[in-house]
N, C-alpha and C. Protein backbone atom coordinates (compact mmCIF):
# COMPACT_ATOMS: atom_id res chain seq x y z
N MET A 1 106.43 60.29 110.18
CA MET A 1 105.24 60.36 109.50
C MET A 1 105.19 59.07 108.77
N THR A 2 103.97 58.44 108.83
CA THR A 2 103.68 57.11 108.17
C THR A 2 103.71 57.36 106.59
N LEU A 3 103.93 56.19 105.81
CA LEU A 3 103.95 56.29 104.46
C LEU A 3 102.58 56.87 103.90
N LEU A 4 101.51 56.30 104.54
CA LEU A 4 100.13 56.68 104.06
C LEU A 4 100.00 58.25 104.25
N ALA A 5 100.39 58.79 105.39
CA ALA A 5 100.24 60.19 105.63
C ALA A 5 101.12 61.01 104.56
N SER A 6 102.28 60.41 104.33
CA SER A 6 103.13 61.11 103.42
C SER A 6 102.58 61.13 101.96
N LEU A 7 101.93 60.08 101.52
CA LEU A 7 101.32 60.07 100.17
C LEU A 7 100.10 60.91 100.14
N LEU A 8 99.32 61.12 101.17
CA LEU A 8 98.13 61.97 101.24
C LEU A 8 98.64 63.29 101.17
N LEU A 9 99.68 63.66 101.81
CA LEU A 9 100.17 65.12 101.77
C LEU A 9 100.65 65.44 100.45
N LEU A 10 101.46 64.49 99.81
CA LEU A 10 101.90 64.63 98.44
C LEU A 10 100.76 64.87 97.46
N VAL A 11 99.88 64.10 97.49
CA VAL A 11 98.61 64.17 96.54
C VAL A 11 97.94 65.49 96.88
N SER A 12 97.78 65.96 97.98
CA SER A 12 97.00 67.14 98.25
C SER A 12 97.78 68.33 97.82
N VAL A 13 99.05 68.26 98.07
CA VAL A 13 99.98 69.43 97.56
C VAL A 13 99.91 69.50 96.00
N SER A 14 100.01 68.30 95.43
CA SER A 14 100.09 68.24 93.89
C SER A 14 98.74 68.75 93.24
N LEU A 15 97.53 68.48 93.88
CA LEU A 15 96.29 68.92 93.50
C LEU A 15 96.22 70.38 93.63
N ALA A 16 96.79 70.96 94.78
CA ALA A 16 96.61 72.33 94.98
C ALA A 16 97.61 73.07 93.98
N LEU A 17 98.70 72.57 93.81
CA LEU A 17 99.60 73.26 92.78
C LEU A 17 99.10 73.09 91.33
N GLY A 18 98.51 72.02 91.10
CA GLY A 18 97.96 71.81 89.76
C GLY A 18 96.79 72.79 89.41
N CYS A 19 96.34 73.39 90.34
CA CYS A 19 95.14 74.38 90.15
C CYS A 19 95.66 75.69 90.01
N SER A 20 96.71 76.06 90.55
CA SER A 20 97.33 77.50 90.40
C SER A 20 97.84 77.81 89.15
N SER A 21 97.87 78.93 88.75
CA SER A 21 98.61 79.32 87.51
C SER A 21 100.07 79.31 87.62
N ALA A 22 100.88 79.05 86.52
CA ALA A 22 102.25 79.16 86.71
C ALA A 22 102.74 80.41 86.81
N PRO A 23 103.88 80.57 87.44
CA PRO A 23 104.54 81.95 87.62
C PRO A 23 104.75 82.55 86.20
N GLY A 24 104.13 83.82 86.08
CA GLY A 24 104.36 84.46 84.81
C GLY A 24 103.30 84.12 83.79
N ALA A 25 102.32 83.31 84.17
CA ALA A 25 101.25 82.82 83.15
C ALA A 25 100.35 84.09 82.76
N THR A 26 99.82 84.14 81.69
CA THR A 26 99.05 85.25 81.14
C THR A 26 97.66 85.00 81.52
N ASN A 27 97.11 86.16 82.00
CA ASN A 27 95.67 86.18 82.45
C ASN A 27 94.88 86.36 81.19
N LEU A 28 94.23 85.40 80.56
CA LEU A 28 93.52 85.42 79.29
C LEU A 28 92.43 86.32 79.37
N ALA A 29 91.78 86.61 80.58
CA ALA A 29 90.66 87.46 80.53
C ALA A 29 90.87 88.90 80.07
N MET A 30 92.08 89.44 80.38
CA MET A 30 92.35 90.86 79.90
C MET A 30 92.27 91.11 78.62
N ASN A 31 92.25 90.09 77.79
CA ASN A 31 92.27 90.22 76.26
C ASN A 31 90.77 89.81 75.72
N GLY A 32 89.91 89.57 76.70
CA GLY A 32 88.58 89.14 76.32
C GLY A 32 87.57 90.29 76.27
N GLU A 33 86.33 89.92 76.09
CA GLU A 33 85.20 90.82 75.85
C GLU A 33 84.23 90.52 76.96
N ALA A 34 83.97 91.35 77.95
CA ALA A 34 83.05 91.08 79.12
C ALA A 34 81.70 91.71 78.66
N SER A 35 80.57 90.96 79.23
CA SER A 35 79.31 91.43 79.08
C SER A 35 78.62 90.99 80.57
N GLN A 36 77.40 91.52 80.71
CA GLN A 36 76.57 91.07 81.85
C GLN A 36 75.05 91.30 81.57
N MET A 37 74.36 90.60 82.34
CA MET A 37 72.76 90.60 82.27
C MET A 37 72.22 92.16 82.24
N SER A 38 72.75 92.87 83.03
CA SER A 38 72.20 94.21 83.24
C SER A 38 73.29 95.05 83.69
N ASN A 39 73.21 96.38 83.69
CA ASN A 39 74.04 97.38 84.41
C ASN A 39 73.35 98.22 85.32
N TYR A 40 73.97 98.21 86.56
CA TYR A 40 73.54 98.97 87.71
C TYR A 40 73.28 100.39 87.21
N PRO A 41 72.15 100.87 87.46
CA PRO A 41 71.83 102.22 86.72
C PRO A 41 72.30 103.53 87.50
N TYR A 42 73.04 103.40 88.61
CA TYR A 42 73.25 104.62 89.43
C TYR A 42 74.56 105.22 89.14
N SER A 43 75.35 104.60 88.26
CA SER A 43 76.67 105.37 87.77
C SER A 43 77.02 104.76 86.43
N THR A 44 77.63 105.76 85.75
CA THR A 44 78.01 105.36 84.35
C THR A 44 79.26 104.48 84.29
N LYS A 45 80.16 104.61 85.15
CA LYS A 45 81.39 103.84 85.20
C LYS A 45 81.33 102.69 86.12
N SER A 46 80.93 102.81 87.46
CA SER A 46 80.77 101.81 88.35
C SER A 46 79.82 100.78 87.84
N GLY A 47 80.36 99.56 88.02
CA GLY A 47 79.34 98.38 87.65
C GLY A 47 79.56 97.98 86.35
N ALA A 48 80.41 98.40 85.42
CA ALA A 48 80.37 98.08 84.11
C ALA A 48 81.06 96.65 83.95
N ALA A 49 80.55 95.79 83.06
CA ALA A 49 81.03 94.28 83.04
C ALA A 49 82.62 94.40 82.75
N LYS A 50 83.14 95.28 82.04
CA LYS A 50 84.67 95.29 81.74
C LYS A 50 85.45 95.63 82.84
N ASN A 51 84.89 96.18 83.97
CA ASN A 51 85.72 96.39 85.22
C ASN A 51 86.22 95.16 85.74
N ALA A 52 85.64 93.98 85.49
CA ALA A 52 86.10 92.73 86.05
C ALA A 52 87.40 92.26 85.38
N ILE A 53 87.67 92.87 84.21
CA ILE A 53 88.97 92.44 83.52
C ILE A 53 89.87 93.55 83.32
N ASP A 54 89.79 94.43 84.20
CA ASP A 54 90.73 95.66 84.06
C ASP A 54 92.11 95.51 84.82
N GLY A 55 92.38 94.33 85.37
CA GLY A 55 93.64 94.08 86.02
C GLY A 55 93.65 94.65 87.41
N ARG A 56 92.71 95.24 87.85
CA ARG A 56 92.79 95.78 89.17
C ARG A 56 92.01 95.08 90.24
N LYS A 57 92.59 94.59 91.25
CA LYS A 57 91.77 93.75 92.17
C LYS A 57 91.22 94.51 93.41
N ASP A 58 90.97 95.76 93.15
CA ASP A 58 90.38 96.56 94.16
C ASP A 58 88.96 96.04 94.61
N THR A 59 88.60 95.69 95.89
CA THR A 59 87.57 95.11 96.35
C THR A 59 86.47 96.11 96.77
N ASP A 60 86.64 97.32 96.67
CA ASP A 60 85.72 98.44 96.99
C ASP A 60 85.01 98.87 95.75
N PHE A 61 83.68 98.61 95.63
CA PHE A 61 82.85 98.98 94.46
C PHE A 61 83.08 100.55 94.08
N ASN A 62 83.12 101.40 95.10
CA ASN A 62 83.23 102.73 95.04
C ASN A 62 84.37 103.35 94.26
N ARG A 63 85.34 102.45 94.18
CA ARG A 63 86.65 102.88 93.35
C ARG A 63 86.61 102.40 91.93
N GLU A 64 85.43 102.02 91.41
CA GLU A 64 85.12 101.89 90.07
C GLU A 64 85.96 100.63 89.36
N SER A 65 86.13 99.65 90.09
CA SER A 65 86.91 98.50 89.64
C SER A 65 86.06 97.17 89.75
N CYS A 66 84.77 97.32 90.06
CA CYS A 66 83.88 96.20 90.16
C CYS A 66 82.68 96.22 89.17
N THR A 67 82.06 95.10 88.86
CA THR A 67 80.92 94.96 88.19
C THR A 67 79.75 95.16 89.08
N HIS A 68 78.47 95.29 88.54
CA HIS A 68 77.27 95.36 89.36
C HIS A 68 76.19 95.19 88.49
N THR A 69 75.36 94.27 88.63
CA THR A 69 74.06 94.10 87.72
C THR A 69 72.92 94.70 88.58
N ASN A 70 71.74 94.84 88.00
CA ASN A 70 70.57 95.23 88.77
C ASN A 70 70.15 93.96 89.49
N LEU A 71 69.20 94.13 90.40
CA LEU A 71 68.52 93.03 91.06
C LEU A 71 67.81 92.19 89.98
N GLU A 72 68.26 91.05 89.83
CA GLU A 72 67.84 90.11 88.59
C GLU A 72 67.55 88.80 89.05
N THR A 73 66.78 88.00 88.53
CA THR A 73 66.65 86.42 88.71
C THR A 73 67.74 85.82 87.85
N ASN A 74 68.51 84.99 88.34
CA ASN A 74 69.69 84.32 87.69
C ASN A 74 70.59 85.30 86.91
N PRO A 75 71.11 86.23 87.65
CA PRO A 75 71.97 87.20 87.10
C PRO A 75 73.37 86.58 86.56
N TRP A 76 73.88 87.08 85.61
CA TRP A 76 75.13 86.46 84.94
C TRP A 76 75.98 87.58 84.55
N TRP A 77 77.40 87.21 84.58
CA TRP A 77 78.56 87.99 83.93
C TRP A 77 79.19 86.97 82.96
N ARG A 78 79.61 87.42 81.78
CA ARG A 78 80.23 86.52 80.86
C ARG A 78 81.52 87.17 80.14
N LEU A 79 82.41 86.14 79.93
CA LEU A 79 83.69 86.66 79.32
C LEU A 79 83.72 85.75 78.07
N ASN A 80 83.96 86.57 76.86
CA ASN A 80 84.20 85.96 75.62
C ASN A 80 85.71 86.01 75.35
N LEU A 81 86.36 84.80 75.30
CA LEU A 81 87.72 84.70 75.20
C LEU A 81 88.25 84.97 73.77
N THR A 82 87.24 84.91 72.77
CA THR A 82 87.33 85.03 71.34
C THR A 82 87.95 83.94 70.68
N GLN A 83 88.39 82.82 71.39
CA GLN A 83 88.81 81.52 70.83
C GLN A 83 88.77 80.52 71.95
N SER A 84 88.69 79.28 71.67
CA SER A 84 88.64 78.22 72.65
C SER A 84 90.08 77.99 73.37
N TYR A 85 89.88 77.78 74.61
CA TYR A 85 91.05 77.55 75.40
C TYR A 85 90.78 76.27 76.28
N GLU A 86 91.88 75.57 76.78
CA GLU A 86 91.76 74.55 77.81
C GLU A 86 91.99 75.39 79.13
N ILE A 87 91.00 75.47 79.89
CA ILE A 87 91.08 76.40 81.09
C ILE A 87 91.59 75.56 82.20
N SER A 88 92.75 76.09 82.89
CA SER A 88 93.27 75.31 83.98
C SER A 88 92.60 75.94 85.30
N ASN A 89 92.48 77.24 85.39
CA ASN A 89 91.88 77.71 86.58
C ASN A 89 91.20 79.15 86.38
N VAL A 90 90.23 79.45 87.17
CA VAL A 90 89.57 80.70 87.23
C VAL A 90 89.70 81.20 88.60
N VAL A 91 90.03 82.62 88.63
CA VAL A 91 90.18 83.21 90.05
C VAL A 91 89.16 84.29 90.04
N LEU A 92 88.24 84.44 91.04
CA LEU A 92 87.34 85.56 91.14
C LEU A 92 87.81 86.39 92.35
N THR A 93 87.64 87.61 92.21
CA THR A 93 87.96 88.58 93.39
C THR A 93 86.52 89.17 93.73
N ASN A 94 86.25 88.88 94.94
CA ASN A 94 84.75 89.20 95.46
C ASN A 94 84.93 90.67 96.17
N ARG A 95 83.82 91.28 95.99
CA ARG A 95 83.53 92.58 96.73
C ARG A 95 83.72 92.38 98.25
N GLN A 96 84.33 93.39 98.98
CA GLN A 96 84.68 93.31 100.41
C GLN A 96 84.15 94.59 101.10
N ASP A 97 83.77 95.70 100.46
CA ASP A 97 83.38 96.77 101.10
C ASP A 97 82.03 96.62 101.74
N CYS A 98 81.24 95.73 101.18
CA CYS A 98 79.85 95.24 101.74
C CYS A 98 79.54 94.06 100.87
N CYS A 99 78.46 93.40 101.36
CA CYS A 99 77.73 92.58 100.36
C CYS A 99 78.40 91.33 99.89
N LYS A 100 79.50 90.88 100.51
CA LYS A 100 80.23 89.73 99.94
C LYS A 100 79.44 88.44 99.81
N GLU A 101 78.44 88.44 100.64
CA GLU A 101 77.60 87.23 100.67
C GLU A 101 76.69 86.91 99.39
N ARG A 102 76.54 88.12 98.65
CA ARG A 102 75.69 88.11 97.37
C ARG A 102 76.24 87.05 96.48
N LEU A 103 77.63 86.67 96.51
CA LEU A 103 78.16 85.88 95.52
C LEU A 103 77.99 84.29 95.97
N MET A 104 77.52 84.14 97.15
CA MET A 104 77.32 82.80 97.65
C MET A 104 76.41 81.95 96.65
N GLY A 105 76.73 80.71 96.22
CA GLY A 105 76.01 79.91 95.40
C GLY A 105 76.28 80.24 93.94
N ALA A 106 77.05 81.06 93.58
CA ALA A 106 77.37 81.36 92.20
C ALA A 106 78.05 80.20 91.63
N GLU A 107 77.91 80.00 90.28
CA GLU A 107 78.55 79.09 89.45
C GLU A 107 79.48 79.66 88.48
N VAL A 108 80.64 78.96 88.36
CA VAL A 108 81.63 79.41 87.28
C VAL A 108 81.43 78.30 86.31
N ARG A 109 81.17 78.82 85.03
CA ARG A 109 80.79 77.90 83.85
C ARG A 109 81.87 78.18 82.82
N VAL A 110 82.18 77.09 82.08
CA VAL A 110 83.19 77.13 81.11
C VAL A 110 82.62 76.26 79.85
N GLY A 111 82.62 76.84 78.67
CA GLY A 111 82.37 76.14 77.47
C GLY A 111 82.28 76.97 76.12
N ASN A 112 81.63 76.43 75.21
CA ASN A 112 81.49 77.12 73.95
C ASN A 112 80.14 77.73 73.56
N SER A 113 79.28 77.63 74.50
CA SER A 113 77.97 78.19 74.33
C SER A 113 77.90 79.53 74.81
N PRO A 114 77.41 80.52 73.95
CA PRO A 114 77.38 81.86 74.35
C PRO A 114 76.22 82.20 75.36
N ASP A 115 75.37 81.24 75.64
CA ASP A 115 74.15 81.45 76.42
C ASP A 115 74.27 81.06 77.86
N ASN A 116 75.53 80.86 78.34
CA ASN A 116 75.92 80.61 79.70
C ASN A 116 75.46 78.99 80.04
N ASN A 117 74.94 78.29 79.10
CA ASN A 117 74.52 77.10 79.52
C ASN A 117 75.64 76.09 79.19
N ASN A 118 76.70 76.24 79.98
CA ASN A 118 77.89 75.42 79.88
C ASN A 118 78.16 74.62 81.05
N PRO A 119 79.08 73.62 81.12
CA PRO A 119 79.47 72.84 82.19
C PRO A 119 79.86 73.69 83.43
N VAL A 120 79.63 73.36 84.61
CA VAL A 120 80.00 73.99 85.85
C VAL A 120 81.54 73.68 86.18
N CYS A 121 82.26 74.62 86.28
CA CYS A 121 83.76 74.34 86.77
C CYS A 121 83.88 74.26 88.31
N GLY A 122 83.00 75.26 88.98
CA GLY A 122 82.91 75.29 90.37
C GLY A 122 81.80 76.06 90.99
N ASN A 123 81.61 75.93 92.23
CA ASN A 123 80.45 76.79 92.91
C ASN A 123 81.14 77.50 94.07
N VAL A 124 80.56 78.64 94.24
CA VAL A 124 81.12 79.52 95.42
C VAL A 124 80.37 79.04 96.52
N THR A 125 81.22 78.47 97.56
CA THR A 125 80.55 77.78 98.81
C THR A 125 81.18 78.54 100.01
N ASP A 126 82.02 79.48 99.90
CA ASP A 126 82.69 80.16 100.92
C ASP A 126 83.08 81.62 100.45
N VAL A 127 82.68 82.69 101.20
CA VAL A 127 82.98 83.96 100.79
C VAL A 127 83.81 84.76 101.94
N SER A 128 84.54 83.91 102.67
CA SER A 128 85.24 84.50 103.72
C SER A 128 86.51 85.19 103.24
N SER A 129 86.99 84.80 102.11
CA SER A 129 88.08 85.51 101.50
C SER A 129 87.77 86.24 100.20
N ALA A 130 88.50 87.15 99.81
CA ALA A 130 88.18 88.06 98.73
C ALA A 130 88.46 87.29 97.55
N THR A 131 89.54 86.43 97.51
CA THR A 131 90.04 85.62 96.34
C THR A 131 89.53 84.29 96.33
N LEU A 132 88.73 83.85 95.26
CA LEU A 132 88.16 82.49 95.19
C LEU A 132 88.71 81.80 93.98
N SER A 133 89.31 80.68 94.14
CA SER A 133 90.07 80.10 92.99
C SER A 133 89.20 78.71 92.69
N PHE A 134 89.12 78.46 91.29
CA PHE A 134 88.47 77.35 90.86
C PHE A 134 89.34 76.51 89.87
N CYS A 135 89.53 75.29 90.09
CA CYS A 135 90.36 74.42 89.25
C CYS A 135 89.40 73.86 88.27
N CYS A 136 89.69 74.19 86.97
CA CYS A 136 88.63 73.74 85.83
C CYS A 136 89.38 72.49 85.10
N GLN A 137 90.57 72.20 85.50
CA GLN A 137 91.26 70.85 84.98
C GLN A 137 91.22 70.67 83.41
N GLY A 138 91.49 71.94 82.71
CA GLY A 138 91.38 71.71 81.26
C GLY A 138 90.05 71.79 80.62
N MET A 139 89.22 72.14 81.15
CA MET A 139 87.74 72.33 80.61
C MET A 139 87.91 73.21 79.34
N GLU A 140 87.33 72.85 78.32
CA GLU A 140 87.54 73.55 77.05
C GLU A 140 86.41 74.56 76.84
N GLY A 141 86.73 75.76 76.39
CA GLY A 141 85.70 76.70 76.07
C GLY A 141 86.22 78.02 75.68
N GLN A 142 85.35 78.80 75.03
CA GLN A 142 85.63 80.17 74.61
C GLN A 142 84.92 81.18 75.64
N TYR A 143 83.88 80.65 76.30
CA TYR A 143 83.21 81.46 77.32
C TYR A 143 83.42 81.01 78.65
N VAL A 144 83.58 81.98 79.62
CA VAL A 144 83.63 81.70 81.00
C VAL A 144 82.61 82.58 81.57
N SER A 145 81.57 82.06 82.38
CA SER A 145 80.57 83.02 82.96
C SER A 145 80.53 82.58 84.44
N VAL A 146 79.91 83.63 85.14
CA VAL A 146 79.61 83.49 86.52
C VAL A 146 78.09 83.82 86.52
N VAL A 147 77.35 82.74 87.10
CA VAL A 147 75.91 82.80 87.11
C VAL A 147 75.42 82.55 88.54
N ILE A 148 74.44 83.32 89.08
CA ILE A 148 73.73 82.98 90.28
C ILE A 148 72.49 82.24 90.05
N PRO A 149 72.32 81.02 90.07
CA PRO A 149 71.19 80.40 89.49
C PRO A 149 70.07 80.31 90.49
N GLY A 150 68.72 80.47 90.05
CA GLY A 150 67.61 80.26 90.98
C GLY A 150 67.26 81.22 92.00
N ARG A 151 67.79 82.42 91.99
CA ARG A 151 67.56 83.47 93.00
C ARG A 151 67.60 84.85 92.36
N SER A 152 66.86 85.66 93.03
CA SER A 152 67.06 87.06 92.62
C SER A 152 67.96 87.84 93.39
N LYS A 153 69.17 88.12 92.73
CA LYS A 153 70.31 88.80 93.46
C LYS A 153 70.90 89.93 92.60
N TYR A 154 71.76 90.70 93.10
CA TYR A 154 72.64 91.41 92.45
C TYR A 154 74.00 90.63 92.27
N LEU A 155 74.70 90.69 91.06
CA LEU A 155 75.94 90.06 90.91
C LEU A 155 77.07 91.20 90.78
N THR A 156 78.06 91.00 91.65
CA THR A 156 79.02 92.00 91.68
C THR A 156 80.46 91.17 91.76
N LEU A 157 81.31 91.40 90.81
CA LEU A 157 82.74 90.87 90.79
C LEU A 157 83.73 92.03 90.65
N CYS A 158 84.71 91.96 91.32
CA CYS A 158 85.86 92.89 91.25
C CYS A 158 86.98 92.58 90.37
N GLU A 159 87.20 91.30 90.09
CA GLU A 159 88.15 90.86 89.13
C GLU A 159 87.87 89.44 88.80
N VAL A 160 88.02 89.14 87.47
CA VAL A 160 88.04 87.70 87.09
C VAL A 160 89.21 87.59 86.25
N GLU A 161 90.02 86.44 86.79
CA GLU A 161 91.27 86.02 85.99
C GLU A 161 91.00 84.52 85.46
N VAL A 162 91.58 84.29 84.25
CA VAL A 162 91.32 82.98 83.63
C VAL A 162 92.65 82.65 83.19
N TYR A 163 93.17 81.47 83.38
CA TYR A 163 94.42 81.01 82.91
C TYR A 163 94.28 79.62 82.21
N GLY A 164 95.03 79.33 81.09
CA GLY A 164 94.79 78.16 80.38
C GLY A 164 95.63 78.26 79.09
N ASP A 165 95.50 77.36 78.19
CA ASP A 165 96.17 77.14 77.01
C ASP A 165 95.32 77.13 75.78
N PRO A 166 95.74 77.60 74.72
CA PRO A 166 94.82 77.52 73.37
C PRO A 166 94.62 76.11 73.08
N VAL A 167 93.38 75.82 72.66
CA VAL A 167 92.97 74.57 72.17
C VAL A 167 93.80 74.25 70.95
N THR A 168 94.51 73.03 70.79
CA THR A 168 95.25 72.66 69.64
C THR A 168 94.42 71.69 68.93
N ASP A 169 94.57 71.53 67.63
CA ASP A 169 93.94 70.49 66.78
C ASP A 169 94.34 69.06 67.10
N LYS A 170 93.65 68.39 67.84
CA LYS A 170 94.05 67.07 68.34
C LYS A 170 94.10 65.97 67.18
N ASN A 171 93.56 66.35 66.06
CA ASN A 171 93.60 65.38 64.88
C ASN A 171 94.72 65.76 63.96
N GLU A 172 95.52 66.64 64.24
CA GLU A 172 96.59 67.12 63.50
C GLU A 172 97.66 65.92 63.27
N VAL A 173 98.10 65.65 61.94
CA VAL A 173 99.05 64.63 61.75
C VAL A 173 100.39 65.16 61.49
N CYS A 174 101.39 64.84 62.21
CA CYS A 174 102.73 65.15 62.01
C CYS A 174 103.55 64.16 61.22
N TRP A 175 104.27 64.50 60.33
CA TRP A 175 105.08 63.59 59.54
C TRP A 175 106.56 63.69 59.83
């Protein structure tokens, strides 16, 4: 293997590892508060926003572990982490019993604005896998949202995991 090929392999492995959560890392989402644009009206339990942070990665909507909005323009799901974090990565689990293509084009946003108008961490460009991971590289925020911009769609998520560290006061002086 040439030196250049070795370096490229090392860089790509480092980038991939830098985006995954450390073994034993805490999923911040499970202690947050979830909300969404609307609730799918045909079931009281199925489709609730909190289903995406219940710790279950079941990809079948009928097993009551996924969210579901009404058919909306620019549908959104939002997580309030209740304090600001430096987000390293966000992992979405997409529905697989049907309709997985609905999530195509969705944006994962991270920031401190509760209106979903935050910087984009990543875009859903492939729905062939149930698990979609986005490397946010320390983006700072209290809110993590998933938005499908510019189209009328249903938004369904079966799990959202968020990993990162609390924001520390960078102006703190140590003596």
